Full PDB file with SEQRES, HELIX, SHEET, SSBOND, CRYST1, ORIGX, SCALE, CONECT and MASTER records, all heavy atoms in Angstrom:
SEQRES   1 A   35  GLU VAL GLU TRP ARG GLY VAL SER ILE ALA ALA THR GLY          
SEQRES   2 A   35  PRO ALA ASP ALA ALA ILE MET VAL LEU VAL ASP CYS PRO          
SEQRES   3 A   35  ASP LYS ASP ASP GLY ALA ALA GLY MET                          
HELIX    1 AA1 ASP A   30  ALA A   33  1                                   4    
CRYST1    1.000    1.000    1.000  90.00  90.00  90.00 P 1           1          
ORIGX1      1.000000  0.000000  0.000000        0.00000                         
ORIGX2      0.000000  1.000000  0.000000        0.00000                         
ORIGX3      0.000000  0.000000  1.000000        0.00000                         
SCALE1      1.000000  0.000000  0.000000        0.00000                         
SCALE2      0.000000  1.000000  0.000000        0.00000                         
SCALE3      0.000000  0.000000  1.000000        0.00000                         
ATOM      1  N   GLU A   1      69.638  -5.899 -13.682  1.00  0.00           N  
ATOM      2  CA  GLU A   1      69.562  -5.826 -12.173  1.00  0.00           C  
ATOM      3  C   GLU A   1      70.209  -4.609 -11.623  1.00  0.00           C  
ATOM      4  O   GLU A   1      70.325  -4.559 -10.354  1.00  0.00           O  
ATOM      5  CB  GLU A   1      70.323  -7.236 -11.594  1.00  0.00           C  
ATOM      6  CG  GLU A   1      70.069  -8.428 -12.180  1.00  0.00           C  
ATOM      7  CD  GLU A   1      70.916  -8.814 -13.431  1.00  0.00           C  
ATOM      8  OE1 GLU A   1      71.316  -8.023 -14.141  1.00  0.00           O  
ATOM      9  OE2 GLU A   1      71.284 -10.037 -13.517  1.00  0.00           O  
ATOM     10  N   VAL A   2      70.530  -3.667 -12.371  1.00  0.00           N  
ATOM     11  CA  VAL A   2      71.349  -2.564 -11.755  1.00  0.00           C  
ATOM     12  C   VAL A   2      70.750  -1.848 -10.807  1.00  0.00           C  
ATOM     13  O   VAL A   2      71.380  -1.304  -9.839  1.00  0.00           O  
ATOM     14  CB  VAL A   2      71.683  -1.532 -12.945  1.00  0.00           C  
ATOM     15  CG1 VAL A   2      70.484  -0.944 -13.499  1.00  0.00           C  
ATOM     16  CG2 VAL A   2      72.751  -0.519 -12.438  1.00  0.00           C  
ATOM     17  N   GLU A   3      69.279  -1.712 -10.703  1.00  0.00           N  
ATOM     18  CA  GLU A   3      68.611  -1.038  -9.625  1.00  0.00           C  
ATOM     19  C   GLU A   3      68.362  -1.853  -8.402  1.00  0.00           C  
ATOM     20  O   GLU A   3      67.764  -1.576  -7.446  1.00  0.00           O  
ATOM     21  CB  GLU A   3      67.346  -0.470 -10.283  1.00  0.00           C  
ATOM     22  CG  GLU A   3      67.531   0.557 -11.349  1.00  0.00           C  
ATOM     23  CD  GLU A   3      68.297   1.821 -10.957  1.00  0.00           C  
ATOM     24  OE1 GLU A   3      68.271   2.061  -9.765  1.00  0.00           O  
ATOM     25  OE2 GLU A   3      68.993   2.449 -11.737  1.00  0.00           O  
ATOM     26  N   TRP A   4      68.551  -3.197  -8.541  1.00  0.00           N  
ATOM     27  CA  TRP A   4      68.189  -4.058  -7.520  1.00  0.00           C  
ATOM     28  C   TRP A   4      69.124  -3.861  -6.302  1.00  0.00           C  
ATOM     29  O   TRP A   4      70.363  -3.501  -6.528  1.00  0.00           O  
ATOM     30  CB  TRP A   4      68.317  -5.609  -7.977  1.00  0.00           C  
ATOM     31  CG  TRP A   4      67.415  -5.970  -9.156  1.00  0.00           C  
ATOM     32  CD1 TRP A   4      66.624  -5.147  -9.736  1.00  0.00           C  
ATOM     33  CD2 TRP A   4      67.297  -7.233  -9.561  1.00  0.00           C  
ATOM     34  NE1 TRP A   4      65.966  -5.902 -10.780  1.00  0.00           N  
ATOM     35  CE2 TRP A   4      66.308  -7.070 -10.606  1.00  0.00           C  
ATOM     36  CE3 TRP A   4      67.854  -8.549  -9.350  1.00  0.00           C  
ATOM     37  CZ2 TRP A   4      65.896  -8.234 -11.414  1.00  0.00           C  
ATOM     38  CZ3 TRP A   4      67.355  -9.558 -10.143  1.00  0.00           C  
ATOM     39  CH2 TRP A   4      66.476  -9.529 -11.142  1.00  0.00           C  
ATOM     40  N   ARG A   5      68.667  -4.202  -5.220  1.00  0.00           N  
ATOM     41  CA  ARG A   5      69.616  -4.158  -3.906  1.00  0.00           C  
ATOM     42  C   ARG A   5      70.425  -5.456  -3.921  1.00  0.00           C  
ATOM     43  O   ARG A   5      70.176  -6.441  -4.544  1.00  0.00           O  
ATOM     44  CB  ARG A   5      68.755  -4.198  -2.735  1.00  0.00           C  
ATOM     45  CG  ARG A   5      67.860  -2.927  -2.479  1.00  0.00           C  
ATOM     46  CD  ARG A   5      67.075  -2.970  -1.246  1.00  0.00           C  
ATOM     47  NE  ARG A   5      66.314  -1.764  -1.041  1.00  0.00           N  
ATOM     48  CZ  ARG A   5      65.626  -1.474   0.046  1.00  0.00           C  
ATOM     49  NH1 ARG A   5      65.478  -2.403   0.919  1.00  0.00           N  
ATOM     50  NH2 ARG A   5      64.828  -0.372   0.139  1.00  0.00           N  
ATOM     51  N   GLY A   6      71.492  -5.244  -3.153  1.00  0.00           N  
ATOM     52  CA  GLY A   6      72.354  -6.499  -2.830  1.00  0.00           C  
ATOM     53  C   GLY A   6      73.598  -6.366  -3.654  1.00  0.00           C  
ATOM     54  O   GLY A   6      73.946  -5.414  -4.489  1.00  0.00           O  
ATOM     55  N   VAL A   7      74.325  -7.481  -3.695  1.00  0.00           N  
ATOM     56  CA  VAL A   7      75.677  -7.513  -4.265  1.00  0.00           C  
ATOM     57  C   VAL A   7      75.547  -8.401  -5.541  1.00  0.00           C  
ATOM     58  O   VAL A   7      74.948  -9.360  -5.661  1.00  0.00           O  
ATOM     59  CB  VAL A   7      76.659  -8.293  -3.350  1.00  0.00           C  
ATOM     60  CG1 VAL A   7      78.054  -8.470  -4.015  1.00  0.00           C  
ATOM     61  CG2 VAL A   7      76.777  -7.561  -2.034  1.00  0.00           C  
ATOM     62  N   SER A   8      76.170  -7.868  -6.528  1.00  0.00           N  
ATOM     63  CA  SER A   8      76.340  -8.519  -7.909  1.00  0.00           C  
ATOM     64  C   SER A   8      77.479  -9.629  -7.836  1.00  0.00           C  
ATOM     65  O   SER A   8      78.645  -9.334  -7.494  1.00  0.00           O  
ATOM     66  CB  SER A   8      76.628  -7.594  -9.030  1.00  0.00           C  
ATOM     67  OG  SER A   8      76.706  -8.200 -10.181  1.00  0.00           O  
ATOM     68  N   ILE A   9      77.088 -10.898  -8.037  1.00  0.00           N  
ATOM     69  CA  ILE A   9      78.123 -11.966  -7.931  1.00  0.00           C  
ATOM     70  C   ILE A   9      78.502 -12.497  -9.390  1.00  0.00           C  
ATOM     71  O   ILE A   9      77.582 -12.936 -10.079  1.00  0.00           O  
ATOM     72  CB  ILE A   9      77.561 -13.110  -7.104  1.00  0.00           C  
ATOM     73  CG1 ILE A   9      77.166 -12.562  -5.683  1.00  0.00           C  
ATOM     74  CG2 ILE A   9      78.477 -14.211  -7.002  1.00  0.00           C  
ATOM     75  CD1 ILE A   9      76.620 -13.642  -4.797  1.00  0.00           C  
ATOM     76  N   ALA A  10      79.818 -12.356  -9.629  1.00  0.00           N  
ATOM     77  CA  ALA A  10      80.277 -12.650 -10.935  1.00  0.00           C  
ATOM     78  C   ALA A  10      80.359 -14.265 -11.058  1.00  0.00           C  
ATOM     79  O   ALA A  10      80.498 -14.994 -10.112  1.00  0.00           O  
ATOM     80  CB  ALA A  10      81.499 -12.041 -11.123  1.00  0.00           C  
ATOM     81  N   ALA A  11      80.415 -14.632 -12.232  1.00  0.00           N  
ATOM     82  CA  ALA A  11      80.623 -16.016 -12.652  1.00  0.00           C  
ATOM     83  C   ALA A  11      82.127 -16.383 -12.268  1.00  0.00           C  
ATOM     84  O   ALA A  11      82.892 -15.487 -12.296  1.00  0.00           O  
ATOM     85  CB  ALA A  11      80.407 -16.230 -14.191  1.00  0.00           C  
ATOM     86  N   THR A  12      82.324 -17.652 -12.057  1.00  0.00           N  
ATOM     87  CA  THR A  12      83.523 -18.222 -11.629  1.00  0.00           C  
ATOM     88  C   THR A  12      83.863 -19.470 -12.355  1.00  0.00           C  
ATOM     89  O   THR A  12      82.952 -20.124 -12.983  1.00  0.00           O  
ATOM     90  CB  THR A  12      83.755 -18.491 -10.051  1.00  0.00           C  
ATOM     91  OG1 THR A  12      82.585 -19.522  -9.808  1.00  0.00           O  
ATOM     92  CG2 THR A  12      83.491 -17.376  -9.322  1.00  0.00           C  
ATOM     93  N   GLY A  13      85.143 -19.793 -12.507  1.00  0.00           N  
ATOM     94  CA  GLY A  13      85.560 -21.025 -13.153  1.00  0.00           C  
ATOM     95  C   GLY A  13      86.316 -20.763 -14.434  1.00  0.00           C  
ATOM     96  O   GLY A  13      86.415 -19.683 -14.953  1.00  0.00           O  
ATOM     97  N   PRO A  14      86.978 -21.803 -14.989  1.00  0.00           N  
ATOM     98  CA  PRO A  14      87.853 -21.662 -16.191  1.00  0.00           C  
ATOM     99  C   PRO A  14      87.044 -21.273 -17.333  1.00  0.00           C  
ATOM    100  O   PRO A  14      85.643 -21.506 -17.503  1.00  0.00           O  
ATOM    101  CB  PRO A  14      88.249 -23.058 -16.533  1.00  0.00           C  
ATOM    102  CG  PRO A  14      88.073 -23.822 -15.106  1.00  0.00           C  
ATOM    103  CD  PRO A  14      86.895 -23.154 -14.453  1.00  0.00           C  
ATOM    104  N   ALA A  15      87.684 -20.413 -18.245  1.00  0.00           N  
ATOM    105  CA  ALA A  15      86.867 -19.857 -19.461  1.00  0.00           C  
ATOM    106  C   ALA A  15      86.684 -20.931 -20.481  1.00  0.00           C  
ATOM    107  O   ALA A  15      85.817 -20.908 -21.351  1.00  0.00           O  
ATOM    108  CB  ALA A  15      87.765 -18.815 -20.123  1.00  0.00           C  
ATOM    109  N   ASP A  16      87.494 -22.090 -20.366  1.00  0.00           N  
ATOM    110  CA  ASP A  16      87.279 -23.175 -21.365  1.00  0.00           C  
ATOM    111  C   ASP A  16      86.773 -24.380 -20.549  1.00  0.00           C  
ATOM    112  O   ASP A  16      87.134 -25.543 -21.156  1.00  0.00           O  
ATOM    113  CB  ASP A  16      88.741 -23.405 -21.919  1.00  0.00           C  
ATOM    114  CG  ASP A  16      89.689 -23.868 -20.999  1.00  0.00           C  
ATOM    115  OD1 ASP A  16      89.542 -23.672 -19.876  1.00  0.00           O  
ATOM    116  OD2 ASP A  16      90.742 -24.305 -21.421  1.00  0.00           O  
ATOM    117  N   ALA A  17      85.939 -24.284 -19.615  1.00  0.00           N  
ATOM    118  CA  ALA A  17      85.402 -25.424 -18.913  1.00  0.00           C  
ATOM    119  C   ALA A  17      84.606 -26.303 -19.827  1.00  0.00           C  
ATOM    120  O   ALA A  17      83.842 -25.841 -20.644  1.00  0.00           O  
ATOM    121  CB  ALA A  17      84.578 -24.797 -17.727  1.00  0.00           C  
ATOM    122  N   ALA A  18      84.682 -27.564 -19.678  1.00  0.00           N  
ATOM    123  CA  ALA A  18      83.875 -28.597 -20.363  1.00  0.00           C  
ATOM    124  C   ALA A  18      82.422 -28.595 -19.837  1.00  0.00           C  
ATOM    125  O   ALA A  18      81.503 -28.870 -20.613  1.00  0.00           O  
ATOM    126  CB  ALA A  18      84.420 -29.891 -20.227  1.00  0.00           C  
ATOM    127  N   ILE A  19      82.377 -28.218 -18.553  1.00  0.00           N  
ATOM    128  CA  ILE A  19      80.951 -28.278 -17.918  1.00  0.00           C  
ATOM    129  C   ILE A  19      80.661 -26.842 -17.434  1.00  0.00           C  
ATOM    130  O   ILE A  19      81.464 -26.288 -16.675  1.00  0.00           O  
ATOM    131  CB  ILE A  19      80.869 -29.303 -16.906  1.00  0.00           C  
ATOM    132  CG1 ILE A  19      81.276 -30.701 -17.269  1.00  0.00           C  
ATOM    133  CG2 ILE A  19      79.499 -29.215 -16.124  1.00  0.00           C  
ATOM    134  CD1 ILE A  19      80.171 -31.324 -18.167  1.00  0.00           C  
ATOM    135  N   MET A  20      79.451 -26.362 -17.709  1.00  0.00           N  
ATOM    136  CA  MET A  20      79.076 -25.077 -17.182  1.00  0.00           C  
ATOM    137  C   MET A  20      77.703 -25.332 -16.431  1.00  0.00           C  
ATOM    138  O   MET A  20      76.841 -26.095 -16.884  1.00  0.00           O  
ATOM    139  CB  MET A  20      78.689 -24.044 -18.262  1.00  0.00           C  
ATOM    140  CG  MET A  20      78.268 -22.788 -17.771  1.00  0.00           C  
ATOM    141  SD  MET A  20      78.117 -21.483 -19.179  1.00  0.00           S  
ATOM    142  CE  MET A  20      77.491 -20.209 -18.337  1.00  0.00           C  
ATOM    143  N   VAL A  21      77.598 -24.716 -15.149  1.00  0.00           N  
ATOM    144  CA  VAL A  21      76.484 -24.901 -14.341  1.00  0.00           C  
ATOM    145  C   VAL A  21      75.778 -23.600 -14.230  1.00  0.00           C  
ATOM    146  O   VAL A  21      76.365 -22.555 -13.940  1.00  0.00           O  
ATOM    147  CB  VAL A  21      76.765 -25.433 -12.990  1.00  0.00           C  
ATOM    148  CG1 VAL A  21      75.434 -25.478 -12.161  1.00  0.00           C  
ATOM    149  CG2 VAL A  21      77.434 -26.838 -13.045  1.00  0.00           C  
ATOM    150  N   LEU A  22      74.575 -23.419 -14.514  1.00  0.00           N  
ATOM    151  CA  LEU A  22      73.659 -22.201 -14.547  1.00  0.00           C  
ATOM    152  C   LEU A  22      72.511 -22.311 -13.515  1.00  0.00           C  
ATOM    153  O   LEU A  22      71.786 -23.236 -13.753  1.00  0.00           O  
ATOM    154  CB  LEU A  22      73.220 -21.877 -15.966  1.00  0.00           C  
ATOM    155  CG  LEU A  22      72.488 -20.618 -16.095  1.00  0.00           C  
ATOM    156  CD1 LEU A  22      73.525 -19.270 -15.945  1.00  0.00           C  
ATOM    157  CD2 LEU A  22      71.846 -20.393 -17.370  1.00  0.00           C  
ATOM    158  N   VAL A  23      72.692 -21.421 -12.421  1.00  0.00           N  
ATOM    159  CA  VAL A  23      71.583 -21.459 -11.492  1.00  0.00           C  
ATOM    160  C   VAL A  23      70.771 -20.279 -11.754  1.00  0.00           C  
ATOM    161  O   VAL A  23      70.896 -19.475 -12.559  1.00  0.00           O  
ATOM    162  CB  VAL A  23      72.135 -21.508 -10.068  1.00  0.00           C  
ATOM    163  CG1 VAL A  23      72.993 -22.712  -9.845  1.00  0.00           C  
ATOM    164  CG2 VAL A  23      72.978 -20.230  -9.835  1.00  0.00           C  
ATOM    165  N   ASP A  24      69.631 -20.205 -10.986  1.00  0.00           N  
ATOM    166  CA  ASP A  24      68.648 -19.091 -11.109  1.00  0.00           C  
ATOM    167  C   ASP A  24      69.137 -17.683 -10.614  1.00  0.00           C  
ATOM    168  O   ASP A  24      69.266 -16.696 -11.328  1.00  0.00           O  
ATOM    169  CB  ASP A  24      67.257 -19.307 -10.476  1.00  0.00           C  
ATOM    170  CG  ASP A  24      67.574 -19.810  -8.982  1.00  0.00           C  
ATOM    171  OD1 ASP A  24      68.534 -19.893  -8.536  1.00  0.00           O  
ATOM    172  OD2 ASP A  24      66.348 -20.078  -8.420  1.00  0.00           O  
ATOM    173  N   CYS A  25      69.676 -17.657  -9.299  1.00  0.00           N  
ATOM    174  CA  CYS A  25      70.103 -16.519  -8.742  1.00  0.00           C  
ATOM    175  C   CYS A  25      70.981 -16.807  -7.459  1.00  0.00           C  
ATOM    176  O   CYS A  25      70.927 -17.972  -6.987  1.00  0.00           O  
ATOM    177  CB  CYS A  25      68.943 -15.626  -8.357  1.00  0.00           C  
ATOM    178  SG  CYS A  25      67.866 -16.316  -7.219  1.00  0.00           S  
ATOM    179  N   PRO A  26      71.635 -15.757  -6.897  1.00  0.00           N  
ATOM    180  CA  PRO A  26      72.368 -16.049  -5.600  1.00  0.00           C  
ATOM    181  C   PRO A  26      71.265 -16.373  -4.454  1.00  0.00           C  
ATOM    182  O   PRO A  26      70.240 -15.878  -4.553  1.00  0.00           O  
ATOM    183  CB  PRO A  26      73.062 -14.731  -5.446  1.00  0.00           C  
ATOM    184  CG  PRO A  26      73.116 -14.039  -6.804  1.00  0.00           C  
ATOM    185  CD  PRO A  26      71.937 -14.433  -7.552  1.00  0.00           C  
ATOM    186  N   ASP A  27      71.717 -17.142  -3.571  1.00  0.00           N  
ATOM    187  CA  ASP A  27      71.021 -17.436  -2.359  1.00  0.00           C  
ATOM    188  C   ASP A  27      71.227 -16.212  -1.498  1.00  0.00           C  
ATOM    189  O   ASP A  27      72.146 -15.394  -1.587  1.00  0.00           O  
ATOM    190  CB  ASP A  27      71.304 -18.688  -1.765  1.00  0.00           C  
ATOM    191  CG  ASP A  27      70.691 -19.878  -2.476  1.00  0.00           C  
ATOM    192  OD1 ASP A  27      69.578 -19.742  -3.216  1.00  0.00           O  
ATOM    193  OD2 ASP A  27      71.135 -21.027  -2.432  1.00  0.00           O  
ATOM    194  N   LYS A  28      70.549 -16.180  -0.276  1.00  0.00           N  
ATOM    195  CA  LYS A  28      70.527 -15.181   0.745  1.00  0.00           C  
ATOM    196  C   LYS A  28      71.947 -15.033   1.308  1.00  0.00           C  
ATOM    197  O   LYS A  28      72.395 -13.825   1.423  1.00  0.00           O  
ATOM    198  CB  LYS A  28      69.548 -15.254   1.780  1.00  0.00           C  
ATOM    199  CG  LYS A  28      68.034 -15.223   1.319  1.00  0.00           C  
ATOM    200  CD  LYS A  28      67.123 -15.418   2.520  1.00  0.00           C  
ATOM    201  CE  LYS A  28      65.738 -15.264   2.029  1.00  0.00           C  
ATOM    202  NZ  LYS A  28      64.824 -15.400   3.174  1.00  0.00           N  
ATOM    203  N   ASP A  29      72.646 -16.113   1.450  1.00  0.00           N  
ATOM    204  CA  ASP A  29      74.028 -16.068   2.071  1.00  0.00           C  
ATOM    205  C   ASP A  29      75.095 -15.873   1.089  1.00  0.00           C  
ATOM    206  O   ASP A  29      76.236 -15.615   1.505  1.00  0.00           O  
ATOM    207  CB  ASP A  29      74.192 -17.337   2.863  1.00  0.00           C  
ATOM    208  CG  ASP A  29      73.197 -17.555   4.031  1.00  0.00           C  
ATOM    209  OD1 ASP A  29      72.648 -16.517   4.495  1.00  0.00           O  
ATOM    210  OD2 ASP A  29      72.953 -18.665   4.330  1.00  0.00           O  
ATOM    211  N   ASP A  30      74.785 -15.876  -0.059  1.00  0.00           N  
ATOM    212  CA  ASP A  30      75.903 -15.846  -1.183  1.00  0.00           C  
ATOM    213  C   ASP A  30      76.498 -14.405  -1.187  1.00  0.00           C  
ATOM    214  O   ASP A  30      77.803 -14.229  -1.514  1.00  0.00           O  
ATOM    215  CB  ASP A  30      75.343 -16.226  -2.472  1.00  0.00           C  
ATOM    216  CG  ASP A  30      74.963 -17.688  -2.635  1.00  0.00           C  
ATOM    217  OD1 ASP A  30      75.310 -18.311  -1.729  1.00  0.00           O  
ATOM    218  OD2 ASP A  30      74.337 -17.929  -3.621  1.00  0.00           O  
ATOM    219  N   GLY A  31      75.680 -13.468  -0.953  1.00  0.00           N  
ATOM    220  CA  GLY A  31      76.333 -11.925  -1.029  1.00  0.00           C  
ATOM    221  C   GLY A  31      77.280 -11.770  -0.073  1.00  0.00           C  
ATOM    222  O   GLY A  31      78.423 -11.155  -0.451  1.00  0.00           O  
ATOM    223  N   ALA A  32      77.129 -12.196   1.238  1.00  0.00           N  
ATOM    224  CA  ALA A  32      78.230 -12.015   2.190  1.00  0.00           C  
ATOM    225  C   ALA A  32      79.441 -12.832   1.748  1.00  0.00           C  
ATOM    226  O   ALA A  32      80.657 -12.282   2.145  1.00  0.00           O  
ATOM    227  CB  ALA A  32      77.618 -12.533   3.511  1.00  0.00           C  
ATOM    228  N   ALA A  33      79.241 -13.977   1.178  1.00  0.00           N  
ATOM    229  CA  ALA A  33      80.507 -14.811   0.829  1.00  0.00           C  
ATOM    230  C   ALA A  33      81.176 -14.287  -0.516  1.00  0.00           C  
ATOM    231  O   ALA A  33      82.256 -14.532  -0.732  1.00  0.00           O  
ATOM    232  CB  ALA A  33      80.165 -16.231   0.750  1.00  0.00           C  
ATOM    233  N   GLY A  34      80.322 -13.534  -1.262  1.00  0.00           N  
ATOM    234  CA  GLY A  34      80.803 -12.975  -2.570  1.00  0.00           C  
ATOM    235  C   GLY A  34      80.974 -14.182  -3.655  1.00  0.00           C  
ATOM    236  O   GLY A  34      81.741 -13.927  -4.576  1.00  0.00           O  
ATOM    237  N   MET A  35      80.205 -15.229  -3.412  1.00  0.00           N  
ATOM    238  CA  MET A  35      80.203 -16.344  -4.389  1.00  0.00           C  
ATOM    239  C   MET A  35      79.013 -17.003  -4.409  1.00  0.00           C  
ATOM    240  O   MET A  35      78.121 -17.001  -3.447  1.00  0.00           O  
ATOM    241  CB  MET A  35      81.405 -17.283  -4.093  1.00  0.00           C  
ATOM    242  CG  MET A  35      81.203 -17.900  -2.652  1.00  0.00           C  
ATOM    243  SD  MET A  35      82.547 -19.050  -2.324  1.00  0.00           S  
ATOM    244  CE  MET A  35      82.381 -20.316  -3.438  1.00  0.00           C  
TER     245      MET A  35                                                      
MASTER        0    0    0    1    0    0    0    6  244    1    0    3          
END                                                                             
């Protein structure tokens, strides 16, 4: 995604979490919030 426009949003949450949630991509409003 390095050439794509927009903000790169990092994963969040504990490194040893029992549950991981994986979505497709950030939504339009996520870039402004940074999450």
